[in-house]
Each structure stands twice: as structure tokens, then as C-alpha cells.
C-alpha atoms as a PDB file:
ATOM      1  CA  UNK A   1       0.206  -0.372  -0.248  1.00  0.00           C
ATOM      2  CA  UNK A   2       3.057   2.641   0.384  1.00  0.00           C
ATOM      3  CA  UNK A   3       4.296   2.229  -3.098  1.00  0.00           C
ATOM      4  CA  UNK A   4       0.112   3.199  -4.315  1.00  0.00           C
ATOM      5  CA  UNK A   5       0.951   5.846  -2.219  1.00  0.00           C
ATOM      6  CA  UNK A   6       4.206   6.858  -3.587  1.00  0.00           C
ATOM      7  CA  UNK A   7       2.887   6.624  -6.540  1.00  0.00           C
ATOM      8  CA  UNK A   8      -0.453   9.620  -6.326  1.00  0.00           C
ATOM      9  CA  UNK A   9       2.091  11.642  -4.697  1.00  0.00           C
ATOM     10  CA  UNK A  10       4.725  10.884  -7.971  1.00  0.00           C
ATOM     11  CA  UNK A  11       1.030  11.799 -10.349  1.00  0.00           C
ATOM     12  CA  UNK A  12       0.541  14.765  -8.325  1.00  0.00           C
ATOM     13  CA  UNK A  13       3.640  16.317  -9.123  1.00  0.00           C
ATOM     14  CA  UNK A  14       4.244  15.009 -12.298  1.00  0.00           C
ATOM     15  CA  UNK A  15       0.669  16.526 -13.013  1.00  0.00           C
ATOM     16  CA  UNK A  16       1.666  20.154 -11.226  1.00  0.00           C
ATOM     17  CA  UNK A  17       4.801  20.466 -13.409  1.00  0.00           C
ATOM     18  CA  UNK A  18       2.635  19.728 -16.783  1.00  0.00           C
ATOM     19  CA  UNK A  19       0.154  22.372 -16.102  1.00  0.00           C
ATOM     20  CA  UNK A  20       3.080  24.775 -15.142  1.00  0.00           C
ATOM     21  CA  UNK A  21       5.055  24.189 -18.663  1.00  0.00           C
ATOM     22  CA  UNK A  22       2.104  24.812 -19.965  1.00  0.00           C
ATOM     23  CA  UNK A  23       0.978  27.586 -18.779  1.00  0.00           C
ATOM     24  CA  UNK A  24       4.692  28.324 -19.208  1.00  0.00           C
ATOM     25  CA  UNK A  25       4.228  28.064 -22.790  1.00  0.00           C
ATOM     26  CA  UNK A  26       1.149  29.062 -23.934  1.00  0.00           C
ATOM     27  CA  UNK A  27       2.881  32.610 -21.715  1.00  0.00           C
ATOM     28  CA  UNK A  28       5.826  32.366 -24.004  1.00  0.00           C
ATOM     29  CA  UNK A  29       3.873  31.786 -27.237  1.00  0.00           C
ATOM     30  CA  UNK A  30       1.426  34.711 -26.636  1.00  0.00           C
ATOM     31  CA  UNK A  31       4.820  37.014 -25.751  1.00  0.00           C
ATOM     32  CA  UNK A  32       5.849  35.967 -29.250  1.00  0.00           C
ATOM     33  CA  UNK A  33       2.788  35.868 -31.376  1.00  0.00           C
ATOM     34  CA  UNK A  34       2.789  40.179 -29.702  1.00  0.00           C
ATOM     35  CA  UNK A  35       6.521  40.541 -31.054  1.00  0.00           C
ATOM     36  CA  UNK A  36       5.698  39.346 -34.095  1.00  0.00           C
ATOM     37  CA  UNK A  37       3.126  41.537 -34.610  1.00  0.00           C
ATOM     38  CA  UNK A  38       4.312  44.789 -33.633  1.00  0.00           C
ATOM     39  CA  UNK A  39       7.863  44.163 -35.380  1.00  0.00           C
ATOM     40  CA  UNK A  40       5.502  43.659 -38.420  1.00  0.00           C
ATOM     41  CA  UNK A  41       4.100  46.445 -38.234  1.00  0.00           C
ATOM     42  CA  UNK A  42       6.902  48.687 -37.714  1.00  0.00           C
ATOM     43  CA  UNK A  43       8.605  46.583 -40.458  1.00  0.00           C
ATOM     44  CA  UNK A  44       5.843  47.661 -42.308  1.00  0.00           C
ATOM     45  CA  UNK A  45       5.122  51.470 -41.494  1.00  0.00           C
ATOM     46  CA  UNK A  46       8.977  51.632 -42.329  1.00  0.00           C
ATOM     47  CA  UNK A  47       8.560  50.385 -45.601  1.00  0.00           C
ATOM     48  CA  UNK A  48       5.918  52.286 -46.876  1.00  0.00           C
ATOM     49  CA  UNK A  49       7.025  56.074 -45.546  1.00  0.00           C
ATOM     50  CA  UNK A  50      10.532  54.680 -47.686  1.00  0.00           C
ATOM     51  CA  UNK A  51       7.977  54.093 -50.741  1.00  0.00           C
ATOM     52  CA  UNK A  52       6.139  57.203 -50.389  1.00  0.00           C
ATOM     53  CA  UNK A  53       9.313  59.220 -50.803  1.00  0.00           C
ATOM     54  CA  UNK A  54      10.861  57.095 -53.072  1.00  0.00           C
ATOM     55  CA  UNK A  55       7.464  57.747 -55.459  1.00  0.00           C
ATOM     56  CA  UNK A  56       6.718  60.874 -55.145  1.00  0.00           C
ATOM     57  CA  UNK A  57      10.758  62.624 -55.634  1.00  0.00           C
ATOM     58  CA  UNK A  58      10.423  60.302 -58.738  1.00  0.00           C
ATOM     59  CA  UNK A  59       7.049  62.068 -60.095  1.00  0.00           C
ATOM     60  CA  UNK A  60       8.825  65.340 -59.345  1.00  0.00           C
ATOM     61  CA  UNK A  61      11.330  65.022 -62.215  1.00  0.00           C
ATOM     62  CA  UNK A  62      10.572  67.486 -64.844  1.00  0.00           C
ATOM     63  CA  UNK A  63      10.557  68.832 -68.254  1.00  0.00           C
ATOM     64  CA  UNK A  64      11.676  71.747 -66.563  1.00  0.00           C
ATOM     65  CA  UNK A  65      13.848  70.776 -63.723  1.00  0.00           C
ATOM     66  CA  UNK A  66      16.080  68.846 -66.387  1.00  0.00           C
ATOM     67  CA  UNK A  67      15.678  71.192 -68.675  1.00  0.00           C
ATOM     68  CA  UNK A  68      17.434  73.700 -66.737  1.00  0.00           C
ATOM     69  CA  UNK A  69      20.333  71.446 -65.648  1.00  0.00           C
ATOM     70  CA  UNK A  70      21.148  69.808 -68.176  1.00  0.00           C
ATOM     71  CA  UNK A  71      20.511  73.031 -70.362  1.00  0.00           C
ATOM     72  CA  UNK A  72      18.603  70.266 -72.885  1.00  0.00           C
ATOM     73  CA  UNK A  73      18.324  71.638 -76.230  1.00  0.00           C
ATOM     74  CA  UNK A  74      14.450  71.630 -78.582  1.00  0.00           C
ATOM     75  CA  UNK A  75      15.417  68.915 -80.193  1.00  0.00           C
ATOM     76  CA  UNK A  76      16.458  67.209 -77.096  1.00  0.00           C
ATOM     77  CA  UNK A  77      13.200  68.351 -74.913  1.00  0.00           C
ATOM     78  CA  UNK A  78      11.044  66.667 -77.942  1.00  0.00           C
ATOM     79  CA  UNK A  79      13.033  63.163 -76.983  1.00  0.00           C
ATOM     80  CA  UNK A  80      12.993  63.887 -73.185  1.00  0.00           C
ATOM     81  CA  UNK A  81       9.422  64.765 -72.747  1.00  0.00           C
ATOM     82  CA  UNK A  82       8.167  60.526 -74.458  1.00  0.00           C
ATOM     83  CA  UNK A  83      10.633  59.955 -72.060  1.00  0.00           C
ATOM     84  CA  UNK A  84       9.555  61.086 -68.843  1.00  0.00           C
ATOM     85  CA  UNK A  85       5.410  60.874 -70.165  1.00  0.00           C
ATOM     86  CA  UNK A  86       6.189  56.943 -70.066  1.00  0.00           C
ATOM     87  CA  UNK A  87       8.727  56.973 -66.533  1.00  0.00           C
ATOM     88  CA  UNK A  88       5.872  59.002 -65.013  1.00  0.00           C
ATOM     89  CA  UNK A  89       2.869  57.033 -65.567  1.00  0.00           C
ATOM     90  CA  UNK A  90       5.008  54.351 -64.833  1.00  0.00           C
ATOM     91  CA  UNK A  91       5.839  55.463 -61.420  1.00  0.00           C
ATOM     92  CA  UNK A  92       2.183  56.570 -60.931  1.00  0.00           C
ATOM     93  CA  UNK A  93       0.971  53.088 -61.410  1.00  0.00           C
ATOM     94  CA  UNK A  94       3.586  52.121 -59.086  1.00  0.00           C
ATOM     95  CA  UNK A  95       2.120  54.525 -56.662  1.00  0.00           C
ATOM     96  CA  UNK A  96      -1.710  53.639 -57.332  1.00  0.00           C
ATOM     97  CA  UNK A  97      -0.497  50.442 -56.017  1.00  0.00           C
ATOM     98  CA  UNK A  98       1.160  51.212 -53.225  1.00  0.00           C
ATOM     99  CA  UNK A  99      -1.389  52.998 -52.291  1.00  0.00           C
ATOM    100  CA  UNK A 100      -3.784  50.888 -52.120  1.00  0.00           C
ATOM    101  CA  UNK A 101      -1.393  47.663 -50.287  1.00  0.00           C
ATOM    102  CA  UNK A 102      -1.011  50.447 -47.763  1.00  0.00           C
ATOM    103  CA  UNK A 103      -4.839  51.086 -47.655  1.00  0.00           C
ATOM    104  CA  UNK A 104      -5.249  47.185 -47.134  1.00  0.00           C
ATOM    105  CA  UNK A 105      -2.555  46.568 -44.805  1.00  0.00           C
ATOM    106  CA  UNK A 106      -3.933  49.324 -42.476  1.00  0.00           C
ATOM    107  CA  UNK A 107      -7.619  48.424 -42.819  1.00  0.00           C
ATOM    108  CA  UNK A 108      -5.714  44.310 -41.437  1.00  0.00           C
ATOM    109  CA  UNK A 109      -3.732  45.785 -38.753  1.00  0.00           C
ATOM    110  CA  UNK A 110      -6.102  47.714 -37.582  1.00  0.00           C
ATOM    111  CA  UNK A 111      -7.910  44.110 -36.997  1.00  0.00           C
ATOM    112  CA  UNK A 112      -8.294  42.695 -33.366  1.00  0.00           C
ATOM    113  CA  UNK A 113      -6.626  39.431 -35.375  1.00  0.00           C
ATOM    114  CA  UNK A 114      -4.737  40.477 -37.825  1.00  0.00           C
ATOM    115  CA  UNK A 115      -3.571  38.023 -40.549  1.00  0.00           C
ATOM    116  CA  UNK A 116      -0.313  38.051 -40.756  1.00  0.00           C
ATOM    117  CA  UNK A 117       0.586  35.881 -43.542  1.00  0.00           C
ATOM    118  CA  UNK A 118      -1.628  38.448 -45.548  1.00  0.00           C
ATOM    119  CA  UNK A 119       0.368  41.552 -44.105  1.00  0.00           C
ATOM    120  CA  UNK A 120       3.324  39.424 -44.703  1.00  0.00           C
ATOM    121  CA  UNK A 121       2.129  39.160 -48.790  1.00  0.00           C
ATOM    122  CA  UNK A 122       2.122  42.675 -49.254  1.00  0.00           C
ATOM    123  CA  UNK A 123       4.737  43.878 -48.038  1.00  0.00           C
ATOM    124  CA  UNK A 124       6.359  41.177 -49.736  1.00  0.00           C
ATOM    125  CA  UNK A 125       3.947  42.376 -53.360  1.00  0.00           C
ATOM    126  CA  UNK A 126       5.840  46.184 -51.999  1.00  0.00           C
ATOM    127  CA  UNK A 127       8.865  45.272 -51.708  1.00  0.00           C
ATOM    128  CA  UNK A 128       8.593  44.264 -55.880  1.00  0.00           C
ATOM    129  CA  UNK A 129       6.982  47.711 -56.267  1.00  0.00           C
ATOM    130  CA  UNK A 130      10.421  48.671 -54.946  1.00  0.00           C
ATOM    131  CA  UNK A 131      12.497  46.864 -57.279  1.00  0.00           C
ATOM    132  CA  UNK A 132       9.890  47.997 -60.272  1.00  0.00           C
ATOM    133  CA  UNK A 133      10.269  51.338 -59.232  1.00  0.00           C
ATOM    134  CA  UNK A 134      14.806  50.983 -59.454  1.00  0.00           C
ATOM    135  CA  UNK A 135      14.138  49.474 -62.385  1.00  0.00           C
ATOM    136  CA  UNK A 136      11.825  51.645 -64.333  1.00  0.00           C
ATOM    137  CA  UNK A 137      14.001  55.012 -61.996  1.00  0.00           C
ATOM    138  CA  UNK A 138      17.432  52.979 -64.780  1.00  0.00           C
ATOM    139  CA  UNK A 139      15.674  52.680 -67.542  1.00  0.00           C
ATOM    140  CA  UNK A 140      14.682  56.263 -67.253  1.00  0.00           C
ATOM    141  CA  UNK A 141      18.615  57.534 -66.716  1.00  0.00           C
ATOM    142  CA  UNK A 142      19.113  55.254 -70.109  1.00  0.00           C
ATOM    143  CA  UNK A 143      16.755  56.863 -71.539  1.00  0.00           C
ATOM    144  CA  UNK A 144      17.928  60.215 -70.565  1.00  0.00           C
ATOM    145  CA  UNK A 145      21.360  59.356 -71.263  1.00  0.00           C
ATOM    146  CA  UNK A 146      20.712  58.144 -74.403  1.00  0.00           C
ATOM    147  CA  UNK A 147      19.447  61.829 -76.163  1.00  0.00           C
ATOM    148  CA  UNK A 148      22.561  64.092 -73.853  1.00  0.00           C
ATOM    149  CA  UNK A 149      25.456  64.392 -75.320  1.00  0.00           C
ATOM    150  CA  UNK A 150      28.885  63.896 -74.006  1.00  0.00           C
ATOM    151  CA  UNK A 151      28.870  67.120 -72.370  1.00  0.00           C
ATOM    152  CA  UNK A 152      26.189  66.584 -70.356  1.00  0.00           C
ATOM    153  CA  UNK A 153      26.314  63.285 -69.163  1.00  0.00           C
ATOM    154  CA  UNK A 154      28.352  64.170 -66.218  1.00  0.00           C
ATOM    155  CA  UNK A 155      25.080  67.355 -64.296  1.00  0.00           C
ATOM    156  CA  UNK A 156      23.341  63.512 -65.700  1.00  0.00           C
ATOM    157  CA  UNK A 157      25.143  61.740 -63.388  1.00  0.00           C
ATOM    158  CA  UNK A 158      25.502  63.872 -60.759  1.00  0.00           C
ATOM    159  CA  UNK A 159      21.455  64.150 -60.525  1.00  0.00           C
ATOM    160  CA  UNK A 160      21.075  60.544 -60.507  1.00  0.00           C
ATOM    161  CA  UNK A 161      23.981  60.100 -58.503  1.00  0.00           C
ATOM    162  CA  UNK A 162      22.443  62.246 -55.470  1.00  0.00           C
ATOM    163  CA  UNK A 163      19.213  60.895 -56.227  1.00  0.00           C
ATOM    164  CA  UNK A 164      20.185  57.376 -56.052  1.00  0.00           C
ATOM    165  CA  UNK A 165      22.302  58.128 -52.376  1.00  0.00           C
ATOM    166  CA  UNK A 166      19.485  59.572 -50.436  1.00  0.00           C
ATOM    167  CA  UNK A 167      16.852  56.789 -50.972  1.00  0.00           C
ATOM    168  CA  UNK A 168      15.215  59.137 -53.086  1.00  0.00           C
ATOM    169  CA  UNK A 169      15.176  62.138 -50.970  1.00  0.00           C
ATOM    170  CA  UNK A 170      16.072  64.081 -53.410  1.00  0.00           C
ATOM    171  CA  UNK A 171      15.606  68.368 -53.817  1.00  0.00           C
ATOM    172  CA  UNK A 172      16.048  69.462 -56.647  1.00  0.00           C
ATOM    173  CA  UNK A 173      12.480  69.926 -58.342  1.00  0.00           C
ATOM    174  CA  UNK A 174      10.797  72.860 -58.570  1.00  0.00           C
ATOM    175  CA  UNK A 175       8.023  72.367 -55.621  1.00  0.00           C
ATOM    176  CA  UNK A 176      10.866  71.257 -53.280  1.00  0.00           C
ATOM    177  CA  UNK A 177      11.514  73.583 -49.789  1.00  0.00           C
ATOM    178  CA  UNK A 178      13.287  76.140 -50.212  1.00  0.00           C
ATOM    179  CA  UNK A 179      13.643  75.795 -53.379  1.00  0.00           C
ATOM    180  CA  UNK A 180      11.955  79.018 -56.746  1.00  0.00           C
ATOM    181  CA  UNK A 181      12.007  79.706 -59.463  1.00  0.00           C
ATOM    182  CA  UNK A 182      16.437  80.186 -61.026  1.00  0.00           C
ATOM    183  CA  UNK A 183      17.642  78.583 -57.392  1.00  0.00           C
ATOM    184  CA  UNK A 184      18.493  75.300 -59.241  1.00  0.00           C
ATOM    185  CA  UNK A 185      19.995  76.905 -61.923  1.00  0.00           C
ATOM    186  CA  UNK A 186      22.252  78.898 -59.748  1.00  0.00           C
ATOM    187  CA  UNK A 187      23.599  75.833 -57.621  1.00  0.00           C
ATOM    188  CA  UNK A 188      24.509  74.049 -61.345  1.00  0.00           C
ATOM    189  CA  UNK A 189      26.510  77.032 -62.334  1.00  0.00           C
ATOM    190  CA  UNK A 190      28.296  77.065 -58.807  1.00  0.00           C
ATOM    191  CA  UNK A 191      28.741  73.274 -59.878  1.00  0.00           C
ATOM    192  CA  UNK A 192      30.593  73.727 -62.947  1.00  0.00           C
ATOM    193  CA  UNK A 193      33.257  76.145 -61.224  1.00  0.00           C
END
């Protein structure tokens, strides 16, 4: 009978240990889920801010900006308009797609129980659209380069180097803070000296 009491006592201890282990694992799972959700939100916010800045900057490269900085001729401007219209159209399409994804992500994140798989797929879509934007940006560069003279190419390189080095935060467009008519030309002339 003594062995039966020992077995009973051991079962009670084992049951307590198992209950504590289950509680510990449940708390650990909840903490992990919350941590993942917070990381996804922070990551998505950073991606959305970066894409917004990059798209807005890309769309603000306009004819006047390039005409002034590269001193494009009338003939070059005709060809530039075709290249620029195609680039702006593609950038606008990407921007619209990103806006749709942003809105959908925000709706999903506001839910009490958000679908993190859906958010992850949407984040991947944002990444693919960023890659597409980079592709159309380098195609845009090559298109403009094809109409430039040898003398204009260093300035074109300078424009795009500043744009890519700043992650898309190029303030040389005419609507930029502190930019007014003629300021770009003054800076261009200073760079030539």
C-alpha cells in the first residue's frame, strides 16, 4: 500500500509540473505572437514611409528640372518628353498600387486578430514594387542618357547619384522646400566652377 501512496504522490507532482509547463508555454506563445505583430507593424511602417518618399521624388523629376540642369535643346526636349511621360505613367501606376496595398495593410492591422500571413504577402508586394520602381528609374536614366551629349552626361550622373545616394530624397525639384525658380540654375553654375 505504501508504493500506491508514493505513486499517487508522484502523479500529483507530475501533474503540477505539466500544468506549470503548459502555462509557461502558453505565456511564451502569446509573448512571441505579440512580438512578431509589433515587428511586422514597425517594418511595414518603415517600408511605407520609404516607398512614399521615393515615389514622390521620382514623380517630381519634370521637364523644367532636366531642361535647366542639363541645358537640353528643343530637339532633346521633344525626345525627353516621350521618355518622361512613360516614366511618370509607370511611376504613377506603381504609386497607385502602393497606396492600395497601404490601405489594405492598415485595414488588416486594425483588426483585433490580424492575418499576419496576409500582411507578410502584402509586405512582399511592396518590396516587389520597390524593385520595379528601381528598374524603371534606371531605364529612365538610360533613356535620358541616350539623348544627352557627352558634355551633359556628367551633370546627368550627378543628378541621379544624388537621387540614389539619398534613397530618393532628392530636393532638386521645383516644389521642394526652399526651392524656387532659378535656384537650381544657380547651384548648377556653382557646380560647374
